Amino acid sequence: MFKKILVSLDGSDISKHAFSRALDLAKTSKAELHVIYVIESGMISPGPVDTTWELIYQRFEKEGRDLLEELTQQAKEQGVTLTTHLEAGHAGETIVKTSAELGCDLIVIGSLGKSKLDRLLLGSVSSYVVNYGKTNILIIRN
C-alpha cells in the first residue's frame, strides 16, 4: 500500500490521533514511518535574539523532543521503526519540503492544530499541505 509515511505533530490531541492512524497504516503496510515536529518560525522574532525569545524557542524545542521521544517508544512497542525530524520554519512549507526530500507517498496531518489563534495568524497548516503537497494526504478530523 504505502512505503513511506510522514505524520506531522504539534502536540495537540488531533495530531496525536493522526499519529495513531499513521502508526496503524505503517504497521499494516510495513511502511517506513517518519514523524515531524516543526517549531513555527513565525512565533520567533526575526531580529536580534534576546533571552526571552531564546527561552521560548528552547521551550518549544523541549516540547518537541519530549513528544518525539514518547511517540518513538510507542511505535517501538508496536514493532514499528520511527524516524523523527525536529525542524524550525514555516510548518506547512517544512512538512511539504521534508515529504518531498524523503520521497514519502503519504502525509498524515490533523485538520486543526493547537490553537485557532495560530490558524488565524499563520494560516492553516493542513490547508497549506493540501494545496502544495505533491503526494497523497490524509487529513484526520476529530
N, C-alpha and C. Protein backbone atom coordinates (compact mmCIF):
# COMPACT_ATOMS: atom_id res chain seq x y z
N MET A 1 0.83 -1.19 0.00
CA MET A 1 0.00 0.00 0.00
C MET A 1 0.87 1.26 0.00
N PHE A 2 1.39 1.66 1.17
CA PHE A 2 2.29 2.82 1.26
C PHE A 2 3.68 2.33 1.66
N LYS A 3 4.70 3.07 1.20
CA LYS A 3 6.08 2.68 1.52
C LYS A 3 6.73 3.62 2.53
N LYS A 4 6.39 4.92 2.45
CA LYS A 4 6.94 5.91 3.37
C LYS A 4 5.84 6.87 3.78
N ILE A 5 5.65 6.98 5.08
CA ILE A 5 4.59 7.83 5.62
C ILE A 5 5.23 8.90 6.49
N LEU A 6 4.80 10.14 6.30
CA LEU A 6 5.22 11.26 7.15
C LEU A 6 4.00 11.76 7.89
N VAL A 7 4.08 11.81 9.22
CA VAL A 7 2.99 12.35 10.02
C VAL A 7 3.50 13.59 10.75
N SER A 8 2.68 14.63 10.72
CA SER A 8 3.03 15.90 11.33
C SER A 8 2.40 16.00 12.72
N LEU A 9 3.20 16.46 13.68
CA LEU A 9 2.74 16.60 15.06
C LEU A 9 2.94 18.01 15.57
N ASP A 10 2.05 18.44 16.44
CA ASP A 10 2.25 19.71 17.13
C ASP A 10 1.91 19.60 18.62
N GLY A 11 1.63 18.39 19.08
CA GLY A 11 1.31 18.19 20.49
C GLY A 11 -0.17 18.26 20.80
N SER A 12 -1.00 18.64 19.83
CA SER A 12 -2.44 18.72 20.06
C SER A 12 -3.04 17.31 20.08
N ASP A 13 -4.24 17.20 20.61
CA ASP A 13 -4.92 15.90 20.66
C ASP A 13 -5.15 15.36 19.25
N ILE A 14 -5.53 16.24 18.32
CA ILE A 14 -5.80 15.78 16.95
C ILE A 14 -4.53 15.28 16.28
N SER A 15 -3.37 15.89 16.58
CA SER A 15 -2.13 15.40 15.97
C SER A 15 -1.73 14.06 16.58
N LYS A 16 -2.04 13.84 17.84
CA LYS A 16 -1.77 12.53 18.46
C LYS A 16 -2.67 11.46 17.85
N HIS A 17 -3.89 11.84 17.53
CA HIS A 17 -4.81 10.91 16.85
C HIS A 17 -4.28 10.61 15.45
N ALA A 18 -3.76 11.63 14.76
CA ALA A 18 -3.17 11.44 13.44
C ALA A 18 -1.98 10.48 13.52
N PHE A 19 -1.18 10.61 14.58
CA PHE A 19 -0.05 9.71 14.77
C PHE A 19 -0.54 8.26 14.92
N SER A 20 -1.59 8.06 15.71
CA SER A 20 -2.13 6.70 15.90
C SER A 20 -2.57 6.10 14.57
N ARG A 21 -3.24 6.89 13.75
CA ARG A 21 -3.68 6.41 12.43
C ARG A 21 -2.49 6.09 11.55
N ALA A 22 -1.48 6.96 11.56
CA ALA A 22 -0.28 6.74 10.75
C ALA A 22 0.47 5.50 11.23
N LEU A 23 0.52 5.30 12.53
CA LEU A 23 1.18 4.13 13.10
C LEU A 23 0.48 2.85 12.64
N ASP A 24 -0.84 2.85 12.67
CA ASP A 24 -1.62 1.69 12.19
C ASP A 24 -1.35 1.43 10.70
N LEU A 25 -1.35 2.50 9.91
CA LEU A 25 -1.08 2.36 8.47
C LEU A 25 0.32 1.83 8.20
N ALA A 26 1.30 2.34 8.94
CA ALA A 26 2.68 1.89 8.76
C ALA A 26 2.82 0.41 9.13
N LYS A 27 2.17 0.03 10.20
CA LYS A 27 2.23 -1.36 10.65
C LYS A 27 1.59 -2.28 9.61
N THR A 28 0.41 -1.91 9.13
CA THR A 28 -0.32 -2.71 8.15
C THR A 28 0.42 -2.78 6.82
N SER A 29 0.98 -1.66 6.39
CA SER A 29 1.65 -1.57 5.09
C SER A 29 3.13 -1.98 5.15
N LYS A 30 3.63 -2.18 6.38
CA LYS A 30 5.07 -2.40 6.56
C LYS A 30 5.87 -1.24 5.97
N ALA A 31 5.37 -0.05 6.19
CA ALA A 31 5.96 1.17 5.64
C ALA A 31 6.92 1.81 6.64
N GLU A 32 7.86 2.60 6.10
CA GLU A 32 8.69 3.44 6.96
C GLU A 32 7.79 4.54 7.53
N LEU A 33 7.98 4.85 8.80
CA LEU A 33 7.20 5.92 9.42
C LEU A 33 8.14 7.03 9.87
N HIS A 34 7.85 8.24 9.39
CA HIS A 34 8.60 9.43 9.77
C HIS A 34 7.63 10.37 10.48
N VAL A 35 8.12 10.99 11.55
CA VAL A 35 7.32 11.95 12.30
C VAL A 35 8.06 13.28 12.31
N ILE A 36 7.32 14.35 12.02
CA ILE A 36 7.93 15.69 12.01
C ILE A 36 7.22 16.60 13.01
N TYR A 37 8.02 17.32 13.76
CA TYR A 37 7.55 18.36 14.67
C TYR A 37 8.24 19.64 14.24
N VAL A 38 7.46 20.64 13.85
CA VAL A 38 8.03 21.89 13.35
C VAL A 38 7.81 23.00 14.37
N ILE A 39 8.92 23.63 14.77
CA ILE A 39 8.82 24.82 15.60
C ILE A 39 8.55 25.97 14.65
N GLU A 40 7.36 26.52 14.74
CA GLU A 40 6.91 27.55 13.80
C GLU A 40 7.76 28.80 13.94
N SER A 41 8.47 29.14 12.88
CA SER A 41 9.38 30.30 12.93
C SER A 41 8.62 31.62 13.03
N GLY A 42 7.36 31.65 12.66
CA GLY A 42 6.55 32.87 12.79
C GLY A 42 6.33 33.25 14.24
N MET A 43 6.58 32.28 15.13
CA MET A 43 6.41 32.55 16.55
C MET A 43 7.68 33.15 17.16
N ILE A 44 8.78 33.13 16.41
CA ILE A 44 10.07 33.58 16.94
C ILE A 44 10.46 34.89 16.25
N SER A 45 10.95 35.82 17.01
CA SER A 45 11.35 37.12 16.49
C SER A 45 12.48 36.99 15.48
N PRO A 46 12.38 37.64 14.31
CA PRO A 46 13.45 37.57 13.33
C PRO A 46 14.63 38.48 13.66
N GLY A 47 14.46 39.38 14.60
CA GLY A 47 15.51 40.33 14.94
C GLY A 47 16.54 39.70 15.87
N PRO A 48 17.36 40.55 16.46
CA PRO A 48 18.36 40.04 17.41
C PRO A 48 17.67 39.24 18.51
N VAL A 49 18.22 38.10 18.81
CA VAL A 49 17.58 37.20 19.77
C VAL A 49 17.94 37.63 21.18
N ASP A 50 16.93 38.01 21.94
CA ASP A 50 17.19 38.30 23.35
C ASP A 50 16.88 37.03 24.14
N THR A 51 17.13 37.06 25.41
CA THR A 51 16.97 35.85 26.22
C THR A 51 15.53 35.39 26.30
N THR A 52 14.56 36.28 26.21
CA THR A 52 13.16 35.88 26.27
C THR A 52 12.81 35.00 25.08
N TRP A 53 13.16 35.44 23.88
CA TRP A 53 12.86 34.65 22.68
C TRP A 53 13.63 33.34 22.68
N GLU A 54 14.85 33.40 23.17
CA GLU A 54 15.67 32.18 23.25
C GLU A 54 15.02 31.17 24.19
N LEU A 55 14.50 31.64 25.30
CA LEU A 55 13.83 30.75 26.25
C LEU A 55 12.54 30.16 25.66
N ILE A 56 11.81 30.98 24.92
CA ILE A 56 10.59 30.49 24.27
C ILE A 56 10.93 29.41 23.26
N TYR A 57 11.96 29.65 22.44
CA TYR A 57 12.39 28.67 21.45
C TYR A 57 12.81 27.37 22.15
N GLN A 58 13.58 27.50 23.22
CA GLN A 58 14.03 26.31 23.95
C GLN A 58 12.85 25.53 24.52
N ARG A 59 11.81 26.24 24.95
CA ARG A 59 10.60 25.56 25.47
C ARG A 59 9.92 24.76 24.36
N PHE A 60 9.76 25.38 23.16
CA PHE A 60 9.17 24.67 22.03
C PHE A 60 10.02 23.47 21.63
N GLU A 61 11.33 23.67 21.64
CA GLU A 61 12.24 22.58 21.26
C GLU A 61 12.13 21.42 22.25
N LYS A 62 12.08 21.72 23.54
CA LYS A 62 11.95 20.67 24.56
C LYS A 62 10.61 19.95 24.42
N GLU A 63 9.56 20.71 24.19
CA GLU A 63 8.24 20.11 23.99
C GLU A 63 8.28 19.14 22.81
N GLY A 64 8.90 19.55 21.72
CA GLY A 64 9.02 18.70 20.53
C GLY A 64 9.83 17.46 20.80
N ARG A 65 10.99 17.61 21.44
CA ARG A 65 11.84 16.45 21.75
C ARG A 65 11.13 15.46 22.67
N ASP A 66 10.46 15.98 23.70
CA ASP A 66 9.74 15.11 24.63
C ASP A 66 8.64 14.32 23.91
N LEU A 67 7.89 15.00 23.05
CA LEU A 67 6.81 14.35 22.32
C LEU A 67 7.37 13.29 21.37
N LEU A 68 8.42 13.63 20.64
CA LEU A 68 9.02 12.67 19.71
C LEU A 68 9.57 11.45 20.44
N GLU A 69 10.15 11.67 21.60
CA GLU A 69 10.68 10.56 22.40
C GLU A 69 9.54 9.64 22.86
N GLU A 70 8.46 10.25 23.32
CA GLU A 70 7.29 9.49 23.78
C GLU A 70 6.71 8.64 22.65
N LEU A 71 6.58 9.23 21.47
CA LEU A 71 5.98 8.52 20.35
C LEU A 71 6.92 7.48 19.75
N THR A 72 8.23 7.71 19.85
CA THR A 72 9.19 6.71 19.41
C THR A 72 9.04 5.44 20.25
N GLN A 73 8.86 5.62 21.54
CA GLN A 73 8.66 4.47 22.43
C GLN A 73 7.35 3.75 22.10
N GLN A 74 6.31 4.52 21.85
CA GLN A 74 5.00 3.95 21.50
C GLN A 74 5.11 3.13 20.21
N ALA A 75 5.81 3.65 19.22
CA ALA A 75 5.98 2.93 17.96
C ALA A 75 6.80 1.66 18.17
N LYS A 76 7.84 1.76 18.98
CA LYS A 76 8.69 0.59 19.28
C LYS A 76 7.86 -0.53 19.89
N GLU A 77 6.95 -0.18 20.79
CA GLU A 77 6.08 -1.17 21.43
C GLU A 77 5.16 -1.84 20.41
N GLN A 78 4.86 -1.14 19.31
CA GLN A 78 4.01 -1.68 18.24
C GLN A 78 4.82 -2.39 17.16
N GLY A 79 6.15 -2.40 17.32
CA GLY A 79 7.01 -3.06 16.35
C GLY A 79 7.26 -2.24 15.09
N VAL A 80 7.10 -0.93 15.19
CA VAL A 80 7.30 -0.05 14.04
C VAL A 80 8.52 0.84 14.31
N THR A 81 9.43 0.88 13.35
CA THR A 81 10.59 1.76 13.46
C THR A 81 10.18 3.16 13.04
N LEU A 82 10.58 4.12 13.86
CA LEU A 82 10.16 5.51 13.66
C LEU A 82 11.40 6.38 13.49
N THR A 83 11.37 7.25 12.49
CA THR A 83 12.42 8.24 12.30
C THR A 83 11.82 9.60 12.62
N THR A 84 12.48 10.35 13.50
CA THR A 84 11.93 11.64 13.92
C THR A 84 12.68 12.79 13.27
N HIS A 85 11.95 13.88 13.08
CA HIS A 85 12.50 15.10 12.48
C HIS A 85 12.01 16.29 13.31
N LEU A 86 12.92 17.01 13.91
CA LEU A 86 12.60 18.23 14.65
C LEU A 86 13.15 19.39 13.84
N GLU A 87 12.26 20.22 13.32
CA GLU A 87 12.65 21.29 12.40
C GLU A 87 12.12 22.63 12.88
N ALA A 88 12.66 23.70 12.34
CA ALA A 88 12.14 25.05 12.58
C ALA A 88 11.87 25.68 11.23
N GLY A 89 10.78 26.43 11.15
CA GLY A 89 10.43 27.10 9.90
C GLY A 89 8.93 27.27 9.80
N HIS A 90 8.46 27.60 8.62
CA HIS A 90 7.02 27.67 8.37
C HIS A 90 6.54 26.22 8.34
N ALA A 91 5.58 25.88 9.18
CA ALA A 91 5.18 24.48 9.35
C ALA A 91 4.75 23.83 8.04
N GLY A 92 3.85 24.47 7.30
CA GLY A 92 3.36 23.88 6.06
C GLY A 92 4.47 23.65 5.05
N GLU A 93 5.28 24.68 4.84
CA GLU A 93 6.40 24.56 3.88
C GLU A 93 7.37 23.46 4.30
N THR A 94 7.67 23.40 5.58
CA THR A 94 8.64 22.41 6.09
C THR A 94 8.11 21.00 5.94
N ILE A 95 6.83 20.80 6.17
CA ILE A 95 6.23 19.47 6.02
C ILE A 95 6.28 19.03 4.56
N VAL A 96 5.87 19.91 3.65
CA VAL A 96 5.87 19.60 2.22
C VAL A 96 7.29 19.32 1.74
N LYS A 97 8.24 20.16 2.14
CA LYS A 97 9.63 20.01 1.72
C LYS A 97 10.23 18.70 2.25
N THR A 98 10.00 18.40 3.51
CA THR A 98 10.54 17.18 4.11
C THR A 98 9.94 15.95 3.45
N SER A 99 8.65 15.98 3.18
CA SER A 99 7.99 14.87 2.49
C SER A 99 8.62 14.60 1.14
N ALA A 100 8.88 15.67 0.39
CA ALA A 100 9.49 15.52 -0.93
C ALA A 100 10.92 14.99 -0.82
N GLU A 101 11.69 15.53 0.11
CA GLU A 101 13.08 15.08 0.30
C GLU A 101 13.16 13.61 0.67
N LEU A 102 12.21 13.15 1.48
CA LEU A 102 12.21 11.76 1.93
C LEU A 102 11.59 10.81 0.90
N GLY A 103 10.84 11.37 -0.05
CA GLY A 103 10.14 10.54 -1.03
C GLY A 103 8.93 9.84 -0.44
N CYS A 104 8.24 10.53 0.45
CA CYS A 104 7.05 9.95 1.09
C CYS A 104 5.90 9.82 0.10
N ASP A 105 5.12 8.76 0.26
CA ASP A 105 3.94 8.61 -0.59
C ASP A 105 2.65 8.86 0.18
N LEU A 106 2.77 9.32 1.44
CA LEU A 106 1.60 9.72 2.22
C LEU A 106 2.03 10.69 3.31
N ILE A 107 1.26 11.77 3.44
CA ILE A 107 1.39 12.70 4.57
C ILE A 107 0.12 12.58 5.39
N VAL A 108 0.27 12.40 6.69
CA VAL A 108 -0.88 12.35 7.60
C VAL A 108 -0.78 13.57 8.49
N ILE A 109 -1.89 14.32 8.59
CA ILE A 109 -1.89 15.57 9.34
C ILE A 109 -3.27 15.80 9.94
N GLY A 110 -3.29 16.42 11.12
CA GLY A 110 -4.55 16.77 11.76
C GLY A 110 -5.19 17.97 11.09
N SER A 111 -6.51 18.05 11.18
CA SER A 111 -7.23 19.14 10.50
C SER A 111 -7.02 20.49 11.17
N LEU A 112 -6.80 20.50 12.47
CA LEU A 112 -6.55 21.73 13.21
C LEU A 112 -5.40 21.50 14.17
N GLY A 113 -4.64 22.55 14.43
CA GLY A 113 -3.52 22.44 15.35
C GLY A 113 -3.89 22.83 16.75
N LYS A 114 -2.91 23.33 17.48
CA LYS A 114 -3.09 23.64 18.89
C LYS A 114 -4.09 24.74 19.16
N SER A 115 -4.08 25.78 18.34
CA SER A 115 -4.99 26.89 18.66
C SER A 115 -5.57 27.51 17.41
N LYS A 116 -6.77 28.01 17.56
CA LYS A 116 -7.42 28.69 16.44
C LYS A 116 -6.73 30.03 16.17
N LEU A 117 -6.09 30.61 17.18
CA LEU A 117 -5.35 31.86 17.00
C LEU A 117 -4.18 31.63 16.05
N ASP A 118 -3.46 30.51 16.22
CA ASP A 118 -2.36 30.19 15.30
C ASP A 118 -2.88 30.11 13.88
N ARG A 119 -4.03 29.49 13.71
CA ARG A 119 -4.60 29.33 12.37
C ARG A 119 -4.92 30.70 11.77
N LEU A 120 -5.44 31.59 12.60
CA LEU A 120 -5.78 32.92 12.12
C LEU A 120 -4.53 33.70 11.73
N LEU A 121 -3.49 33.61 12.57
CA LEU A 121 -2.27 34.37 12.33
C LEU A 121 -1.37 33.74 11.27
N LEU A 122 -1.27 32.44 11.25
CA LEU A 122 -0.29 31.77 10.42
C LEU A 122 -0.89 31.06 9.22
N GLY A 123 -2.21 30.95 9.18
CA GLY A 123 -2.85 30.18 8.12
C GLY A 123 -2.92 28.72 8.52
N SER A 124 -3.80 28.01 7.92
CA SER A 124 -3.98 26.61 8.26
C SER A 124 -2.86 25.76 7.67
N VAL A 125 -2.14 25.07 8.52
CA VAL A 125 -1.05 24.21 8.07
C VAL A 125 -1.59 23.10 7.19
N SER A 126 -2.68 22.47 7.61
CA SER A 126 -3.24 21.38 6.81
C SER A 126 -3.70 21.89 5.45
N SER A 127 -4.26 23.08 5.41
CA SER A 127 -4.68 23.66 4.13
C SER A 127 -3.47 23.90 3.23
N TYR A 128 -2.39 24.38 3.79
CA TYR A 128 -1.17 24.61 3.01
C TYR A 128 -0.67 23.28 2.44
N VAL A 129 -0.63 22.25 3.27
CA VAL A 129 -0.13 20.94 2.83
C VAL A 129 -1.01 20.39 1.71
N VAL A 130 -2.31 20.52 1.84
CA VAL A 130 -3.22 20.05 0.80
C VAL A 130 -2.98 20.79 -0.52
N ASN A 131 -2.77 22.09 -0.44
CA ASN A 131 -2.59 22.89 -1.65
C ASN A 131 -1.23 22.71 -2.31
N TYR A 132 -0.19 22.44 -1.54
CA TYR A 132 1.16 22.41 -2.10
C TYR A 132 1.85 21.05 -2.05
N GLY A 133 1.29 20.11 -1.29
CA GLY A 133 1.88 18.79 -1.22
C GLY A 133 1.76 18.06 -2.55
N LYS A 134 2.77 17.28 -2.89
CA LYS A 134 2.81 16.59 -4.18
C LYS A 134 2.56 15.09 -4.03
N THR A 135 1.94 14.68 -2.94
CA THR A 135 1.70 13.26 -2.69
C THR A 135 0.32 13.06 -2.07
N ASN A 136 -0.01 11.85 -1.72
CA ASN A 136 -1.28 11.57 -1.06
C ASN A 136 -1.28 12.24 0.32
N ILE A 137 -2.43 12.75 0.72
CA ILE A 137 -2.54 13.43 2.01
C ILE A 137 -3.79 12.91 2.71
N LEU A 138 -3.62 12.52 3.96
CA LEU A 138 -4.72 12.06 4.78
C LEU A 138 -4.93 13.09 5.90
N ILE A 139 -6.10 13.74 5.89
CA ILE A 139 -6.45 14.73 6.91
C ILE A 139 -7.28 14.01 7.97
N ILE A 140 -6.83 14.11 9.22
CA ILE A 140 -7.54 13.48 10.34
C ILE A 140 -8.36 14.55 11.03
N ARG A 141 -9.64 14.26 11.19
CA ARG A 141 -10.55 15.17 11.89
C ARG A 141 -10.93 14.58 13.23
N ASN A 142 -11.45 15.43 14.11
CA ASN A 142 -11.90 14.94 15.43
C ASN A 142 -12.95 13.87 15.29
